[in-house]
Amino acid sequence: MARPVQIFLTSTPTSSCLLARLRRDAGGAAAVEFALVALPFLALVGAVFQIAFQIWATQNFDRALQNAVRTIFTGQFQLANAGQTDAATLLASLKTTMCGSGNAVVPTIFNCQSVKIDVATAGTFAGASASTPVNATTGTWNTDFGTNYACAKPGTIVVVTAAVQFPTLFNLMGLNTKKFTTGAGAGSSLLTSTAVFRTEPYQSAGASPC
């Protein structure tokens, strides 16, 4: 007696069946959704961190400059450097007043030793203008910024401009904080602060310090 033969029929799923099965399968949906939102979220967090850090640094920079220019406002700086006419020496002395030295270094969150300062005078407040630290065409420092010092006599309108490079930690979400594109510090942003004031009618014991 012949044994019965078993026949197994198999069917290959069509592409429409596979697509339907794929639509019903929810496995891995959370991972896909996270991948879609993770990059924009991290970019937003980085942008918030960069802006907050730069605002904090700007306030710290403003405070340091204000403390330094007060010595020009009262005439203390001019009297202490009477007879000195070299601009580089005077600007270095003013930066020391701003940053401190030795055991009296002023705590800052920027590189105070890299600060550039310009001191100019003006005839009127309306005519006072701040120096431009960065050349937008070359993406680096203006060659004459940080080399000018005008001695302020009593009652003189003074414009003090200070600037320093500041690291760009995040440059996402179209922040465009990078001001330096070439040279040393390429990719850095810029901290700048300007003080405009009229000096007090300070008294000098001998000849005018200016």
Protein backbone atom coordinates (compact mmCIF):
# COMPACT_ATOMS: atom_id res chain seq x y z
CA MET A 1 0.00 0.00 0.00
CA ALA A 2 1.48 3.32 -1.08
CA ARG A 3 2.15 5.92 1.59
CA PRO A 4 0.29 9.22 1.16
CA VAL A 5 2.43 12.09 -0.01
CA GLN A 6 2.17 15.31 1.97
CA ILE A 7 2.33 18.47 -0.07
CA PHE A 8 3.18 21.81 1.62
CA LEU A 9 2.17 24.95 -0.13
CA THR A 10 4.04 28.18 0.62
CA SER A 11 3.19 31.61 -0.53
CA THR A 12 5.49 34.61 -0.95
CA PRO A 13 4.05 37.77 0.57
CA THR A 14 3.45 40.49 -1.95
CA SER A 15 4.87 43.97 -1.61
CA SER A 16 1.47 45.32 -0.60
CA CYS A 17 1.32 42.85 2.26
CA LEU A 18 4.77 43.86 3.43
CA LEU A 19 3.85 47.53 3.38
CA ALA A 20 0.69 46.85 5.34
CA ARG A 21 2.65 44.88 7.91
CA LEU A 22 5.20 47.68 8.15
CA ARG A 23 2.48 50.25 8.76
CA ARG A 24 1.04 48.16 11.59
CA ASP A 25 4.46 47.61 13.22
CA ALA A 26 5.06 50.33 15.88
CA GLY A 27 8.38 48.93 17.11
CA GLY A 28 11.17 51.54 17.18
CA ALA A 29 8.82 54.51 16.72
CA ALA A 30 10.17 56.24 19.82
CA ALA A 31 13.76 55.94 18.58
CA VAL A 32 12.83 57.42 15.21
CA GLU A 33 10.94 60.31 16.81
CA PHE A 34 13.85 61.04 19.15
CA ALA A 35 16.28 61.06 16.23
CA LEU A 36 14.10 63.60 14.44
CA VAL A 37 13.90 66.04 17.37
CA ALA A 38 17.29 65.43 19.07
CA LEU A 39 19.46 67.54 16.75
CA PRO A 40 17.20 70.66 16.76
CA PHE A 41 16.80 70.33 20.53
CA LEU A 42 20.54 70.06 21.16
CA ALA A 43 21.16 72.97 18.77
CA LEU A 44 18.67 75.09 20.73
CA VAL A 45 20.28 74.17 24.06
CA GLY A 46 23.71 75.07 22.67
CA ALA A 47 22.42 78.41 21.36
CA VAL A 48 20.87 79.28 24.74
CA PHE A 49 24.11 78.34 26.53
CA GLN A 50 26.24 80.44 24.15
CA ILE A 51 24.00 83.51 24.46
CA ALA A 52 23.77 83.27 28.25
CA PHE A 53 27.54 82.80 28.62
CA GLN A 54 28.26 85.73 26.31
CA ILE A 55 25.82 88.03 28.15
CA TRP A 56 27.52 87.14 31.43
CA ALA A 57 30.95 87.78 29.92
CA THR A 58 29.80 91.12 28.49
CA GLN A 59 28.56 92.29 31.89
CA ASN A 60 31.84 91.21 33.47
CA PHE A 61 33.76 93.04 30.73
CA ASP A 62 31.70 96.22 31.17
CA ARG A 63 32.29 96.22 34.93
CA ALA A 64 36.06 95.78 34.53
CA LEU A 65 36.28 98.64 32.03
CA GLN A 66 34.12 100.96 34.15
CA ASN A 67 36.39 100.41 37.15
CA ALA A 68 39.43 101.27 35.02
CA VAL A 69 38.07 104.37 33.30
CA ARG A 70 37.00 105.82 36.62
CA THR A 71 40.68 106.61 37.19
CA ILE A 72 40.63 108.70 33.99
CA PHE A 73 37.32 110.29 35.00
CA THR A 74 38.81 111.54 38.28
CA GLY A 75 42.21 112.43 36.79
CA GLN A 76 43.99 109.85 38.94
CA PHE A 77 45.41 108.00 35.94
CA GLN A 78 46.65 111.17 34.21
CA LEU A 79 48.34 112.43 37.36
CA ALA A 80 49.97 109.06 38.06
CA ASN A 81 51.40 108.98 34.51
CA ALA A 82 52.32 112.65 34.16
CA GLY A 83 55.24 113.12 31.81
CA GLN A 84 54.68 109.83 30.01
CA THR A 85 53.86 110.37 26.32
CA ASP A 86 54.30 106.90 24.83
CA ALA A 87 50.86 105.62 23.87
CA ALA A 88 51.79 101.94 24.15
CA THR A 89 53.11 102.41 27.70
CA LEU A 90 50.05 104.38 28.79
CA LEU A 91 47.63 101.83 27.30
CA ALA A 92 49.53 99.00 28.98
CA SER A 93 49.27 100.85 32.28
CA LEU A 94 45.54 101.35 31.78
CA LYS A 95 45.11 97.64 31.02
CA THR A 96 46.99 96.84 34.25
CA THR A 97 44.52 99.09 36.07
CA MET A 98 41.69 97.14 34.43
CA CYS A 99 43.10 93.62 34.93
CA GLY A 100 45.22 94.02 38.05
CA SER A 101 48.65 92.51 38.53
CA GLY A 102 50.54 90.19 40.86
CA ASN A 103 48.40 89.16 43.80
CA ALA A 104 45.76 91.74 42.93
CA VAL A 105 44.59 90.22 39.64
CA VAL A 106 40.95 91.09 38.90
CA PRO A 107 38.91 87.87 38.39
CA THR A 108 37.37 87.82 34.91
CA ILE A 109 35.80 85.22 32.62
CA PHE A 110 37.61 86.58 29.59
CA ASN A 111 41.33 86.77 28.80
CA CYS A 112 42.08 90.18 30.28
CA GLN A 113 45.69 90.16 29.11
CA SER A 114 44.47 90.10 25.49
CA VAL A 115 42.26 93.19 25.87
CA LYS A 116 42.87 96.05 23.43
CA ILE A 117 41.98 99.59 24.54
CA ASP A 118 41.60 102.84 22.60
CA VAL A 119 41.31 106.22 24.33
CA ALA A 120 40.11 109.22 22.31
CA THR A 121 38.74 112.67 23.09
CA ALA A 122 35.89 114.61 21.47
CA GLY A 123 34.72 118.20 21.34
CA THR A 124 31.06 117.39 21.96
CA PHE A 125 29.05 114.38 23.07
CA ALA A 126 27.24 114.40 19.74
CA GLY A 127 30.54 114.20 17.92
CA ALA A 128 31.94 111.40 20.08
CA SER A 129 32.28 108.07 18.29
CA ALA A 130 33.71 104.74 19.37
CA SER A 131 36.60 103.11 17.56
CA THR A 132 35.90 100.07 15.39
CA PRO A 133 37.82 97.04 16.67
CA VAL A 134 37.29 94.58 13.81
CA ASN A 135 37.74 95.02 10.07
CA ALA A 136 34.65 93.37 8.58
CA THR A 137 36.39 92.85 5.25
CA THR A 138 39.44 91.00 6.54
CA GLY A 139 37.72 89.40 9.55
CA THR A 140 40.48 90.38 11.95
CA TRP A 141 41.58 93.31 14.14
CA ASN A 142 41.80 96.79 12.66
CA THR A 143 45.51 97.49 12.54
CA ASP A 144 45.28 100.80 14.41
CA PHE A 145 42.85 99.67 17.11
CA GLY A 146 44.47 99.49 20.51
CA THR A 147 47.27 101.93 19.66
CA ASN A 148 45.63 105.31 20.32
CA TYR A 149 45.77 107.24 23.58
CA ALA A 150 44.65 110.84 24.03
CA CYS A 151 45.41 112.41 27.39
CA ALA A 152 42.25 113.83 28.97
CA LYS A 153 42.57 117.27 30.52
CA PRO A 154 40.08 118.46 33.15
CA GLY A 155 36.59 118.81 31.65
CA THR A 156 37.43 116.86 28.50
CA ILE A 157 34.99 114.48 26.81
CA VAL A 158 36.61 111.05 26.61
CA VAL A 159 35.68 107.95 24.59
CA VAL A 160 37.26 104.73 25.82
CA THR A 161 36.69 101.60 23.73
CA ALA A 162 37.85 98.17 24.85
CA ALA A 163 37.57 94.87 22.98
CA VAL A 164 38.72 91.29 23.39
CA GLN A 165 38.27 88.01 21.57
CA PHE A 166 35.89 85.55 23.19
CA PRO A 167 35.60 81.84 22.34
CA THR A 168 32.56 80.65 20.43
CA LEU A 169 31.50 77.39 22.07
CA PHE A 170 28.39 76.87 19.95
CA ASN A 171 27.50 78.52 16.68
CA LEU A 172 24.19 76.83 15.92
CA MET A 173 20.69 78.07 15.11
CA GLY A 174 22.09 80.86 12.94
CA LEU A 175 23.66 82.77 15.85
CA ASN A 176 26.46 84.15 13.67
CA THR A 177 28.52 85.20 16.70
CA LYS A 178 31.87 84.66 14.98
CA LYS A 179 33.50 88.01 14.21
CA PHE A 180 37.03 86.78 13.55
CA THR A 181 37.37 84.68 10.43
CA THR A 182 41.11 84.96 9.79
CA GLY A 183 44.32 85.35 11.75
CA ALA A 184 44.88 84.48 15.38
CA GLY A 185 41.66 83.59 17.14
CA ALA A 186 39.76 82.79 13.95
CA GLY A 187 36.26 81.61 14.85
CA SER A 188 36.08 83.77 17.98
CA SER A 189 33.34 86.23 18.82
CA LEU A 190 33.94 89.77 20.08
CA LEU A 191 33.34 91.40 23.44
CA THR A 192 33.34 95.18 23.26
CA SER A 193 32.58 97.93 25.74
CA THR A 194 32.58 101.71 25.39
CA ALA A 195 32.57 104.43 28.03
CA VAL A 196 31.83 108.07 27.17
CA PHE A 197 32.18 110.71 29.88
CA ARG A 198 33.50 114.16 30.75
CA THR A 199 36.43 114.22 33.14
CA GLU A 200 36.12 115.97 36.46
CA PRO A 201 37.92 119.31 36.95
CA TYR A 202 40.74 117.56 38.75
CA GLN A 203 43.59 119.61 40.20
CA SER A 204 47.27 119.08 39.47
CA ALA A 205 49.98 120.23 41.84
CA GLY A 206 52.38 121.28 39.11
CA ALA A 207 52.22 121.39 35.36
CA SER A 208 49.29 119.83 33.53
CA PRO A 209 49.73 116.03 33.14
CA CYS A 210 48.70 116.44 29.52
